N, C-alpha and C. Protein backbone atom coordinates (compact mmCIF):
# COMPACT_ATOMS: atom_id res chain seq x y z
N MET A 1 18.46 13.37 -29.50
CA MET A 1 17.01 13.21 -29.55
C MET A 1 16.35 14.57 -29.42
N ASN A 2 15.48 14.90 -30.36
CA ASN A 2 14.79 16.18 -30.24
C ASN A 2 13.57 16.04 -29.32
N THR A 3 12.97 17.16 -28.96
CA THR A 3 11.90 17.15 -27.95
C THR A 3 10.65 16.42 -28.43
N SER A 4 10.33 16.49 -29.73
CA SER A 4 9.12 15.81 -30.22
C SER A 4 9.26 14.30 -30.12
N SER A 5 10.46 13.77 -30.39
CA SER A 5 10.65 12.32 -30.28
C SER A 5 10.64 11.88 -28.82
N VAL A 6 11.09 12.75 -27.92
CA VAL A 6 11.04 12.43 -26.48
C VAL A 6 9.59 12.34 -26.02
N PHE A 7 8.76 13.30 -26.48
CA PHE A 7 7.35 13.27 -26.09
C PHE A 7 6.64 12.04 -26.65
N ILE A 8 6.96 11.65 -27.88
CA ILE A 8 6.37 10.45 -28.47
C ILE A 8 6.80 9.22 -27.68
N PHE A 9 8.08 9.15 -27.31
CA PHE A 9 8.57 8.04 -26.51
C PHE A 9 7.84 7.95 -25.17
N LEU A 10 7.68 9.10 -24.50
CA LEU A 10 6.99 9.11 -23.21
C LEU A 10 5.53 8.71 -23.36
N GLU A 11 4.89 9.12 -24.46
CA GLU A 11 3.50 8.77 -24.70
C GLU A 11 3.36 7.26 -24.90
N VAL A 12 4.27 6.66 -25.67
CA VAL A 12 4.25 5.21 -25.89
C VAL A 12 4.50 4.48 -24.58
N LEU A 13 5.41 5.00 -23.78
CA LEU A 13 5.71 4.40 -22.49
C LEU A 13 4.50 4.45 -21.57
N ALA A 14 3.79 5.57 -21.57
CA ALA A 14 2.60 5.72 -20.73
C ALA A 14 1.51 4.76 -21.18
N ILE A 15 1.34 4.58 -22.49
CA ILE A 15 0.33 3.66 -23.00
C ILE A 15 0.69 2.23 -22.63
N ALA A 16 1.97 1.89 -22.69
CA ALA A 16 2.40 0.53 -22.36
C ALA A 16 2.19 0.23 -20.89
N THR A 17 2.38 1.21 -20.01
CA THR A 17 2.21 0.95 -18.58
C THR A 17 0.75 0.91 -18.17
N LEU A 18 -0.11 1.58 -18.92
CA LEU A 18 -1.54 1.57 -18.61
C LEU A 18 -2.27 0.53 -19.46
N LYS A 19 -1.62 -0.56 -19.79
CA LYS A 19 -2.16 -1.56 -20.69
C LYS A 19 -3.42 -2.19 -20.11
N ASP A 20 -4.53 -2.02 -20.84
CA ASP A 20 -5.78 -2.67 -20.49
C ASP A 20 -5.95 -3.88 -21.40
N ASN A 21 -6.99 -4.64 -21.13
CA ASN A 21 -7.30 -5.76 -22.00
C ASN A 21 -7.81 -5.22 -23.34
N LEU A 22 -7.44 -5.91 -24.43
CA LEU A 22 -7.95 -5.53 -25.74
C LEU A 22 -9.39 -6.00 -25.87
N ILE A 23 -10.22 -5.18 -26.52
CA ILE A 23 -11.63 -5.56 -26.68
C ILE A 23 -12.05 -5.44 -28.14
N ASN A 24 -13.05 -6.23 -28.49
CA ASN A 24 -13.72 -6.22 -29.79
C ASN A 24 -12.75 -6.10 -30.98
N GLU A 25 -12.81 -5.01 -31.75
CA GLU A 25 -12.01 -4.86 -32.96
C GLU A 25 -10.52 -4.64 -32.67
N GLN A 26 -10.15 -4.38 -31.45
CA GLN A 26 -8.73 -4.21 -31.11
C GLN A 26 -7.99 -5.54 -31.16
N ILE A 27 -8.71 -6.64 -31.02
CA ILE A 27 -8.11 -7.98 -31.04
C ILE A 27 -7.71 -8.30 -32.48
N LYS A 28 -6.46 -8.66 -32.71
CA LYS A 28 -5.94 -8.90 -34.06
C LYS A 28 -5.67 -10.38 -34.34
N CYS A 29 -5.96 -11.27 -33.40
CA CYS A 29 -5.70 -12.70 -33.58
C CYS A 29 -6.69 -13.29 -34.58
N LYS A 30 -6.26 -14.28 -35.36
CA LYS A 30 -7.16 -14.92 -36.35
C LYS A 30 -8.12 -15.87 -35.66
N GLU A 31 -7.60 -16.70 -34.75
CA GLU A 31 -8.44 -17.66 -34.04
C GLU A 31 -8.27 -17.45 -32.54
N VAL A 32 -9.36 -17.61 -31.79
CA VAL A 32 -9.32 -17.44 -30.34
C VAL A 32 -10.15 -18.52 -29.66
N MET A 33 -9.76 -18.86 -28.45
CA MET A 33 -10.57 -19.75 -27.60
C MET A 33 -11.60 -18.85 -26.93
N VAL A 34 -12.89 -19.15 -27.08
CA VAL A 34 -13.95 -18.29 -26.58
C VAL A 34 -14.57 -18.89 -25.33
N ILE A 35 -14.70 -18.05 -24.30
CA ILE A 35 -15.39 -18.43 -23.07
C ILE A 35 -16.64 -17.58 -22.99
N GLY A 36 -17.77 -18.23 -22.74
CA GLY A 36 -19.06 -17.55 -22.71
C GLY A 36 -19.24 -16.67 -21.49
N PRO A 37 -20.36 -15.91 -21.44
CA PRO A 37 -20.60 -15.01 -20.31
C PRO A 37 -20.80 -15.72 -18.98
N ASN A 38 -21.20 -16.99 -19.01
CA ASN A 38 -21.40 -17.75 -17.77
C ASN A 38 -20.23 -18.65 -17.43
N GLY A 39 -19.12 -18.52 -18.17
CA GLY A 39 -17.91 -19.28 -17.88
C GLY A 39 -17.78 -20.56 -18.68
N GLU A 40 -18.74 -20.88 -19.55
CA GLU A 40 -18.68 -22.11 -20.34
C GLU A 40 -17.75 -21.91 -21.53
N GLN A 41 -17.04 -22.98 -21.91
CA GLN A 41 -16.13 -22.90 -23.05
C GLN A 41 -16.93 -23.12 -24.33
N LEU A 42 -16.80 -22.19 -25.26
CA LEU A 42 -17.50 -22.28 -26.53
C LEU A 42 -16.60 -22.81 -27.64
N GLY A 43 -15.34 -23.06 -27.33
CA GLY A 43 -14.42 -23.64 -28.30
C GLY A 43 -13.60 -22.60 -29.04
N ILE A 44 -12.84 -23.09 -30.01
CA ILE A 44 -11.98 -22.22 -30.81
C ILE A 44 -12.80 -21.67 -31.98
N LYS A 45 -12.82 -20.37 -32.10
CA LYS A 45 -13.60 -19.69 -33.15
C LYS A 45 -12.69 -18.69 -33.86
N THR A 46 -13.13 -18.29 -35.04
CA THR A 46 -12.42 -17.21 -35.70
C THR A 46 -12.78 -15.91 -34.99
N ARG A 47 -11.98 -14.90 -35.21
CA ARG A 47 -12.22 -13.62 -34.53
C ARG A 47 -13.58 -13.07 -34.90
N GLN A 48 -13.94 -13.15 -36.17
CA GLN A 48 -15.22 -12.60 -36.63
C GLN A 48 -16.40 -13.35 -36.00
N ASP A 49 -16.30 -14.70 -35.91
CA ASP A 49 -17.39 -15.48 -35.29
C ASP A 49 -17.53 -15.12 -33.81
N ALA A 50 -16.38 -14.95 -33.15
CA ALA A 50 -16.41 -14.60 -31.72
C ALA A 50 -17.04 -13.22 -31.53
N LEU A 51 -16.71 -12.26 -32.41
CA LEU A 51 -17.31 -10.93 -32.33
C LEU A 51 -18.82 -10.99 -32.56
N THR A 52 -19.25 -11.84 -33.50
CA THR A 52 -20.68 -12.00 -33.78
C THR A 52 -21.39 -12.58 -32.56
N LEU A 53 -20.80 -13.60 -31.94
CA LEU A 53 -21.38 -14.19 -30.72
C LEU A 53 -21.52 -13.15 -29.61
N ALA A 54 -20.48 -12.34 -29.43
CA ALA A 54 -20.51 -11.31 -28.39
C ALA A 54 -21.59 -10.27 -28.71
N GLY A 55 -21.72 -9.92 -29.98
CA GLY A 55 -22.74 -8.96 -30.39
C GLY A 55 -24.14 -9.47 -30.13
N TYR A 56 -24.40 -10.77 -30.44
CA TYR A 56 -25.72 -11.35 -30.18
C TYR A 56 -26.03 -11.39 -28.68
N ALA A 57 -25.01 -11.63 -27.88
CA ALA A 57 -25.21 -11.69 -26.42
C ALA A 57 -25.34 -10.29 -25.81
N GLY A 58 -24.95 -9.25 -26.56
CA GLY A 58 -25.03 -7.89 -26.05
C GLY A 58 -23.85 -7.52 -25.15
N PHE A 59 -22.76 -8.25 -25.32
CA PHE A 59 -21.57 -7.99 -24.51
C PHE A 59 -20.38 -7.67 -25.40
N ASP A 60 -19.21 -7.53 -24.76
CA ASP A 60 -17.96 -7.28 -25.47
C ASP A 60 -17.12 -8.55 -25.49
N LEU A 61 -16.25 -8.65 -26.48
CA LEU A 61 -15.28 -9.73 -26.55
C LEU A 61 -13.97 -9.18 -25.98
N VAL A 62 -13.51 -9.77 -24.90
CA VAL A 62 -12.34 -9.25 -24.19
C VAL A 62 -11.22 -10.28 -24.24
N LEU A 63 -10.04 -9.84 -24.66
CA LEU A 63 -8.86 -10.70 -24.71
C LEU A 63 -8.30 -10.83 -23.30
N MET A 64 -8.37 -12.04 -22.76
CA MET A 64 -7.93 -12.28 -21.38
C MET A 64 -6.47 -12.72 -21.31
N ASN A 65 -6.04 -13.60 -22.23
CA ASN A 65 -4.67 -14.10 -22.22
C ASN A 65 -4.18 -14.26 -23.65
N GLU A 66 -3.33 -13.35 -24.08
CA GLU A 66 -2.85 -13.41 -25.46
C GLU A 66 -1.63 -14.30 -25.62
N ASN A 67 -1.04 -14.74 -24.52
CA ASN A 67 0.18 -15.55 -24.59
C ASN A 67 -0.11 -17.03 -24.79
N SER A 68 -1.33 -17.48 -24.53
CA SER A 68 -1.63 -18.90 -24.70
C SER A 68 -1.85 -19.20 -26.19
N ASN A 69 -1.91 -20.48 -26.52
CA ASN A 69 -2.10 -20.86 -27.92
C ASN A 69 -3.34 -21.72 -28.03
N PRO A 70 -4.43 -21.32 -28.56
CA PRO A 70 -4.78 -20.01 -29.10
C PRO A 70 -5.09 -19.02 -27.96
N PRO A 71 -5.06 -17.71 -28.26
CA PRO A 71 -5.37 -16.70 -27.24
C PRO A 71 -6.78 -16.90 -26.69
N VAL A 72 -6.96 -16.58 -25.41
CA VAL A 72 -8.24 -16.79 -24.74
C VAL A 72 -9.00 -15.47 -24.68
N CYS A 73 -10.27 -15.51 -25.14
CA CYS A 73 -11.15 -14.34 -25.08
C CYS A 73 -12.40 -14.71 -24.30
N LYS A 74 -12.96 -13.74 -23.63
CA LYS A 74 -14.18 -13.98 -22.86
C LYS A 74 -15.24 -12.99 -23.28
N ILE A 75 -16.46 -13.46 -23.35
CA ILE A 75 -17.60 -12.60 -23.66
C ILE A 75 -18.12 -12.07 -22.33
N MET A 76 -18.07 -10.74 -22.16
CA MET A 76 -18.48 -10.14 -20.88
C MET A 76 -18.80 -8.67 -21.06
N ASP A 77 -19.38 -8.07 -20.00
CA ASP A 77 -19.61 -6.62 -19.98
C ASP A 77 -18.30 -5.98 -19.53
N TYR A 78 -17.59 -5.36 -20.46
CA TYR A 78 -16.24 -4.86 -20.18
C TYR A 78 -16.25 -3.72 -19.16
N ASN A 79 -17.23 -2.83 -19.24
CA ASN A 79 -17.27 -1.72 -18.28
C ASN A 79 -17.47 -2.22 -16.85
N LYS A 80 -18.32 -3.23 -16.69
CA LYS A 80 -18.54 -3.82 -15.36
C LYS A 80 -17.25 -4.49 -14.88
N PHE A 81 -16.56 -5.18 -15.79
CA PHE A 81 -15.30 -5.84 -15.46
C PHE A 81 -14.26 -4.83 -14.98
N LYS A 82 -14.13 -3.71 -15.73
CA LYS A 82 -13.18 -2.66 -15.34
C LYS A 82 -13.54 -2.06 -13.98
N TYR A 83 -14.84 -1.83 -13.77
CA TYR A 83 -15.30 -1.25 -12.51
C TYR A 83 -14.97 -2.16 -11.33
N GLU A 84 -15.25 -3.45 -11.47
CA GLU A 84 -14.96 -4.40 -10.38
C GLU A 84 -13.47 -4.54 -10.14
N LYS A 85 -12.68 -4.50 -11.22
CA LYS A 85 -11.22 -4.60 -11.09
C LYS A 85 -10.68 -3.39 -10.33
N LYS A 86 -11.19 -2.20 -10.68
CA LYS A 86 -10.78 -0.97 -10.01
C LYS A 86 -11.18 -0.99 -8.54
N LYS A 87 -12.37 -1.49 -8.28
CA LYS A 87 -12.88 -1.59 -6.90
C LYS A 87 -12.01 -2.53 -6.07
N LYS A 88 -11.60 -3.66 -6.66
CA LYS A 88 -10.75 -4.62 -5.95
C LYS A 88 -9.39 -4.02 -5.63
N THR A 89 -8.80 -3.29 -6.59
CA THR A 89 -7.48 -2.70 -6.33
C THR A 89 -7.58 -1.62 -5.25
N LYS A 90 -8.66 -0.83 -5.25
CA LYS A 90 -8.83 0.18 -4.19
C LYS A 90 -8.97 -0.49 -2.84
N GLU A 91 -9.73 -1.58 -2.78
CA GLU A 91 -9.93 -2.31 -1.53
C GLU A 91 -8.60 -2.89 -1.04
N ALA A 92 -7.81 -3.43 -1.97
CA ALA A 92 -6.50 -3.98 -1.60
C ALA A 92 -5.58 -2.89 -1.07
N GLN A 93 -5.59 -1.71 -1.71
CA GLN A 93 -4.76 -0.60 -1.25
C GLN A 93 -5.21 -0.14 0.14
N LYS A 94 -6.52 -0.11 0.36
CA LYS A 94 -7.05 0.30 1.66
C LYS A 94 -6.60 -0.65 2.75
N LYS A 95 -6.69 -1.96 2.48
CA LYS A 95 -6.26 -2.96 3.46
C LYS A 95 -4.77 -2.85 3.72
N GLN A 96 -4.00 -2.55 2.66
CA GLN A 96 -2.56 -2.42 2.82
C GLN A 96 -2.23 -1.23 3.71
N ARG A 97 -2.97 -0.12 3.52
CA ARG A 97 -2.74 1.06 4.36
C ARG A 97 -3.11 0.76 5.82
N GLU A 98 -4.18 -0.01 6.02
CA GLU A 98 -4.60 -0.32 7.38
C GLU A 98 -3.58 -1.17 8.11
N THR A 99 -2.97 -2.11 7.38
CA THR A 99 -2.00 -2.99 8.03
C THR A 99 -0.64 -2.34 8.20
N GLN A 100 -0.39 -1.28 7.46
CA GLN A 100 0.89 -0.60 7.54
C GLN A 100 0.89 0.30 8.79
N VAL A 101 1.70 -0.06 9.78
CA VAL A 101 1.76 0.69 11.02
C VAL A 101 2.90 1.70 10.92
N GLU A 102 2.59 2.93 11.26
CA GLU A 102 3.58 4.00 11.20
C GLU A 102 4.26 4.12 12.57
N THR A 103 5.54 4.45 12.58
CA THR A 103 6.26 4.67 13.83
C THR A 103 6.53 6.16 13.98
N LYS A 104 6.02 6.72 15.06
CA LYS A 104 6.23 8.14 15.34
C LYS A 104 7.34 8.24 16.38
N GLU A 105 8.26 9.18 16.18
CA GLU A 105 9.37 9.35 17.12
C GLU A 105 9.17 10.63 17.92
N TYR A 106 9.34 10.50 19.22
CA TYR A 106 9.25 11.65 20.12
C TYR A 106 10.59 11.78 20.82
N ARG A 107 11.24 12.93 20.63
CA ARG A 107 12.55 13.16 21.23
C ARG A 107 12.38 13.87 22.55
N LEU A 108 13.00 13.32 23.54
CA LEU A 108 13.01 13.90 24.88
C LEU A 108 14.45 14.26 25.21
N SER A 109 14.64 14.89 26.36
CA SER A 109 16.02 15.13 26.80
C SER A 109 16.10 14.82 28.28
N VAL A 110 17.31 14.70 28.77
CA VAL A 110 17.52 14.34 30.18
C VAL A 110 16.94 15.42 31.09
N ASN A 111 17.10 16.68 30.73
CA ASN A 111 16.60 17.78 31.56
C ASN A 111 15.40 18.48 30.88
N ILE A 112 14.39 17.69 30.50
CA ILE A 112 13.22 18.23 29.83
C ILE A 112 12.30 18.91 30.84
N ASP A 113 11.69 20.01 30.43
CA ASP A 113 10.78 20.75 31.30
C ASP A 113 9.45 20.00 31.39
N ILE A 114 8.70 20.23 32.45
CA ILE A 114 7.44 19.52 32.70
C ILE A 114 6.42 19.77 31.58
N HIS A 115 6.28 21.02 31.18
CA HIS A 115 5.30 21.34 30.14
C HIS A 115 5.65 20.68 28.81
N ASP A 116 6.94 20.72 28.44
CA ASP A 116 7.37 20.06 27.20
C ASP A 116 7.14 18.55 27.27
N PHE A 117 7.41 17.99 28.42
CA PHE A 117 7.20 16.56 28.63
C PHE A 117 5.72 16.20 28.47
N ASP A 118 4.84 16.99 29.12
CA ASP A 118 3.41 16.72 29.03
C ASP A 118 2.89 16.87 27.60
N THR A 119 3.41 17.83 26.86
CA THR A 119 2.99 18.02 25.47
C THR A 119 3.35 16.79 24.64
N ARG A 120 4.56 16.28 24.81
CA ARG A 120 4.97 15.09 24.06
C ARG A 120 4.16 13.87 24.47
N VAL A 121 3.83 13.76 25.75
CA VAL A 121 3.01 12.64 26.22
C VAL A 121 1.62 12.71 25.58
N ASN A 122 1.02 13.90 25.55
CA ASN A 122 -0.31 14.04 24.95
C ASN A 122 -0.29 13.71 23.45
N ASN A 123 0.73 14.17 22.75
CA ASN A 123 0.85 13.85 21.33
C ASN A 123 1.06 12.35 21.11
N ALA A 124 1.84 11.73 21.98
CA ALA A 124 2.08 10.30 21.88
C ALA A 124 0.79 9.52 22.12
N LYS A 125 -0.03 9.98 23.08
CA LYS A 125 -1.31 9.31 23.34
C LYS A 125 -2.21 9.37 22.11
N LYS A 126 -2.24 10.52 21.45
CA LYS A 126 -3.06 10.66 20.24
C LYS A 126 -2.57 9.71 19.15
N SER A 127 -1.25 9.60 19.00
CA SER A 127 -0.70 8.70 17.98
C SER A 127 -1.00 7.24 18.31
N LEU A 128 -0.90 6.88 19.59
CA LEU A 128 -1.19 5.51 20.00
C LEU A 128 -2.66 5.17 19.76
N GLU A 129 -3.54 6.13 19.99
CA GLU A 129 -4.97 5.89 19.76
C GLU A 129 -5.27 5.68 18.28
N LYS A 130 -4.46 6.28 17.41
CA LYS A 130 -4.62 6.08 15.97
C LYS A 130 -4.04 4.74 15.53
N GLY A 131 -3.31 4.06 16.43
CA GLY A 131 -2.74 2.75 16.10
C GLY A 131 -1.28 2.78 15.71
N ASN A 132 -0.61 3.92 15.86
CA ASN A 132 0.80 4.03 15.50
C ASN A 132 1.70 3.54 16.63
N LYS A 133 2.90 3.09 16.25
CA LYS A 133 3.92 2.76 17.25
C LYS A 133 4.62 4.04 17.64
N ILE A 134 5.23 4.03 18.83
CA ILE A 134 5.94 5.19 19.34
C ILE A 134 7.38 4.81 19.64
N LYS A 135 8.30 5.68 19.20
CA LYS A 135 9.71 5.53 19.56
C LYS A 135 10.07 6.76 20.36
N ALA A 136 10.27 6.56 21.66
CA ALA A 136 10.69 7.65 22.53
C ALA A 136 12.20 7.59 22.65
N SER A 137 12.88 8.69 22.33
CA SER A 137 14.34 8.66 22.33
C SER A 137 14.91 9.87 23.05
N ILE A 138 16.07 9.65 23.62
CA ILE A 138 16.82 10.71 24.29
C ILE A 138 18.22 10.71 23.71
N ARG A 139 18.64 11.86 23.19
CA ARG A 139 19.99 11.99 22.63
C ARG A 139 20.86 12.67 23.68
N PHE A 140 21.93 12.00 24.05
CA PHE A 140 22.84 12.53 25.06
C PHE A 140 23.70 13.63 24.46
N LYS A 141 23.90 14.69 25.24
CA LYS A 141 24.75 15.80 24.81
C LYS A 141 25.91 15.92 25.80
N GLY A 142 27.10 15.99 25.28
CA GLY A 142 28.27 16.19 26.13
C GLY A 142 28.47 15.08 27.15
N ARG A 143 28.52 15.47 28.43
CA ARG A 143 28.82 14.51 29.49
C ARG A 143 27.57 13.81 30.03
N GLN A 144 26.42 14.08 29.44
CA GLN A 144 25.18 13.44 29.91
C GLN A 144 25.25 11.92 29.77
N ILE A 145 26.05 11.44 28.83
CA ILE A 145 26.13 9.99 28.60
C ILE A 145 26.74 9.26 29.80
N ALA A 146 27.40 10.01 30.69
CA ALA A 146 27.97 9.41 31.90
C ALA A 146 26.87 9.03 32.89
N HIS A 147 25.64 9.55 32.70
CA HIS A 147 24.54 9.27 33.62
C HIS A 147 23.31 8.73 32.86
N PRO A 148 23.41 7.51 32.34
CA PRO A 148 22.29 6.94 31.58
C PRO A 148 21.06 6.67 32.45
N GLU A 149 21.26 6.60 33.77
CA GLU A 149 20.11 6.35 34.66
C GLU A 149 19.12 7.52 34.64
N LEU A 150 19.62 8.74 34.39
CA LEU A 150 18.72 9.90 34.29
C LEU A 150 17.82 9.77 33.06
N ALA A 151 18.40 9.32 31.96
CA ALA A 151 17.60 9.14 30.74
C ALA A 151 16.60 8.00 30.92
N ARG A 152 17.03 6.95 31.59
CA ARG A 152 16.12 5.82 31.84
C ARG A 152 14.94 6.27 32.70
N ASP A 153 15.19 7.15 33.67
CA ASP A 153 14.11 7.67 34.51
C ASP A 153 13.10 8.46 33.69
N VAL A 154 13.59 9.28 32.75
CA VAL A 154 12.69 10.06 31.90
C VAL A 154 11.85 9.13 31.03
N LEU A 155 12.47 8.11 30.46
CA LEU A 155 11.73 7.17 29.62
C LEU A 155 10.72 6.36 30.44
N ASP A 156 11.10 6.00 31.68
CA ASP A 156 10.17 5.29 32.55
C ASP A 156 8.97 6.17 32.90
N ARG A 157 9.21 7.47 33.17
CA ARG A 157 8.11 8.40 33.44
C ARG A 157 7.19 8.52 32.22
N PHE A 158 7.82 8.57 31.03
CA PHE A 158 7.06 8.66 29.78
C PHE A 158 6.14 7.44 29.64
N TYR A 159 6.69 6.25 29.92
CA TYR A 159 5.89 5.03 29.81
C TYR A 159 4.76 5.01 30.84
N GLU A 160 5.05 5.46 32.06
CA GLU A 160 4.01 5.50 33.10
C GLU A 160 2.82 6.34 32.67
N LYS A 161 3.09 7.45 31.99
CA LYS A 161 2.02 8.35 31.55
C LYS A 161 1.15 7.72 30.46
N VAL A 162 1.73 6.86 29.62
CA VAL A 162 0.97 6.26 28.52
C VAL A 162 0.70 4.77 28.74
N SER A 163 1.00 4.25 29.92
CA SER A 163 0.90 2.82 30.17
C SER A 163 -0.52 2.27 30.06
N ASN A 164 -1.54 3.13 30.23
CA ASN A 164 -2.91 2.63 30.13
C ASN A 164 -3.31 2.32 28.69
N ILE A 165 -2.60 2.88 27.69
CA ILE A 165 -2.94 2.60 26.29
C ILE A 165 -1.77 2.02 25.50
N ALA A 166 -0.63 1.76 26.16
CA ALA A 166 0.55 1.28 25.42
C ALA A 166 1.26 0.16 26.18
N ASP A 167 1.92 -0.69 25.41
CA ASP A 167 2.78 -1.74 25.94
C ASP A 167 4.20 -1.48 25.44
N ILE A 168 5.19 -1.96 26.19
CA ILE A 168 6.58 -1.80 25.77
C ILE A 168 6.93 -2.92 24.80
N GLU A 169 7.37 -2.53 23.61
CA GLU A 169 7.84 -3.51 22.63
C GLU A 169 9.33 -3.75 22.81
N ALA A 170 10.09 -2.68 23.04
CA ALA A 170 11.53 -2.79 23.28
C ALA A 170 11.88 -1.91 24.47
N LYS A 171 12.46 -2.52 25.49
CA LYS A 171 12.83 -1.77 26.69
C LYS A 171 13.92 -0.76 26.36
N PRO A 172 14.08 0.26 27.22
CA PRO A 172 15.10 1.28 26.95
C PRO A 172 16.49 0.68 26.79
N LYS A 173 17.14 1.06 25.69
CA LYS A 173 18.51 0.60 25.46
C LYS A 173 19.30 1.70 24.78
N ILE A 174 20.61 1.66 24.96
CA ILE A 174 21.50 2.68 24.41
C ILE A 174 22.08 2.18 23.10
N GLU A 175 22.04 3.05 22.11
CA GLU A 175 22.65 2.76 20.82
C GLU A 175 23.43 4.01 20.42
N GLY A 176 24.73 3.96 20.52
CA GLY A 176 25.54 5.15 20.23
C GLY A 176 25.33 6.19 21.31
N LYS A 177 24.93 7.41 20.93
CA LYS A 177 24.67 8.48 21.89
C LYS A 177 23.18 8.67 22.13
N THR A 178 22.38 7.63 21.81
CA THR A 178 20.93 7.72 21.94
C THR A 178 20.39 6.56 22.75
N MET A 179 19.48 6.88 23.66
CA MET A 179 18.74 5.84 24.37
C MET A 179 17.31 5.92 23.88
N PHE A 180 16.72 4.76 23.56
CA PHE A 180 15.35 4.77 23.06
C PHE A 180 14.58 3.56 23.55
N MET A 181 13.24 3.67 23.45
CA MET A 181 12.37 2.53 23.71
C MET A 181 11.21 2.58 22.73
N LEU A 182 10.66 1.42 22.42
CA LEU A 182 9.53 1.34 21.49
C LEU A 182 8.27 0.96 22.24
N LEU A 183 7.18 1.65 21.92
CA LEU A 183 5.87 1.38 22.53
C LEU A 183 4.88 1.04 21.44
N THR A 184 4.00 0.09 21.72
CA THR A 184 2.94 -0.26 20.78
C THR A 184 1.60 -0.08 21.47
N PRO A 185 0.56 0.23 20.71
CA PRO A 185 -0.76 0.38 21.32
C PRO A 185 -1.26 -0.96 21.86
N LYS A 186 -2.01 -0.91 22.96
CA LYS A 186 -2.59 -2.14 23.53
C LYS A 186 -3.69 -2.63 22.61
N LYS A 187 -3.82 -3.94 22.54
CA LYS A 187 -4.87 -4.53 21.68
C LYS A 187 -6.23 -4.35 22.32
């Protein structure tokens, strides 16, 4: 395949993925079921009659469903339709982002310094206020795994510092060489 045919293929692919509704002269069907601007059925018309009706109404003829027999067209303001459709998809994406909760992980250690600990607590508080979940974890190094109570104490201190804005979703537990707990923001 040479480069020009690759570009043509990609262009056709891009057009196929951005498929909009066909309007006015783009519609190639001989007969269509026409729906008026107020939702009333106007019956089966030829393409030319449907275009004339849309022209008299001052709107566009938009192909809504080409797979039915006969294809269904609606007389409407196409730009307004596209605008409302775009607005709905943006609103749906916004709601999806709002419901999607992110989990932030904060790594601590058994022998963490006070200042480092306080910095992680402050960052965790900011994340909790934004509505994110928190995963506080401690990775054991060497023989530290022989004293899991030390890690549990650090995680308990961490929870005490953020307890006014967080609830425990999963209590501290060991998985492999890591002990972790999950915190969620209070409702």
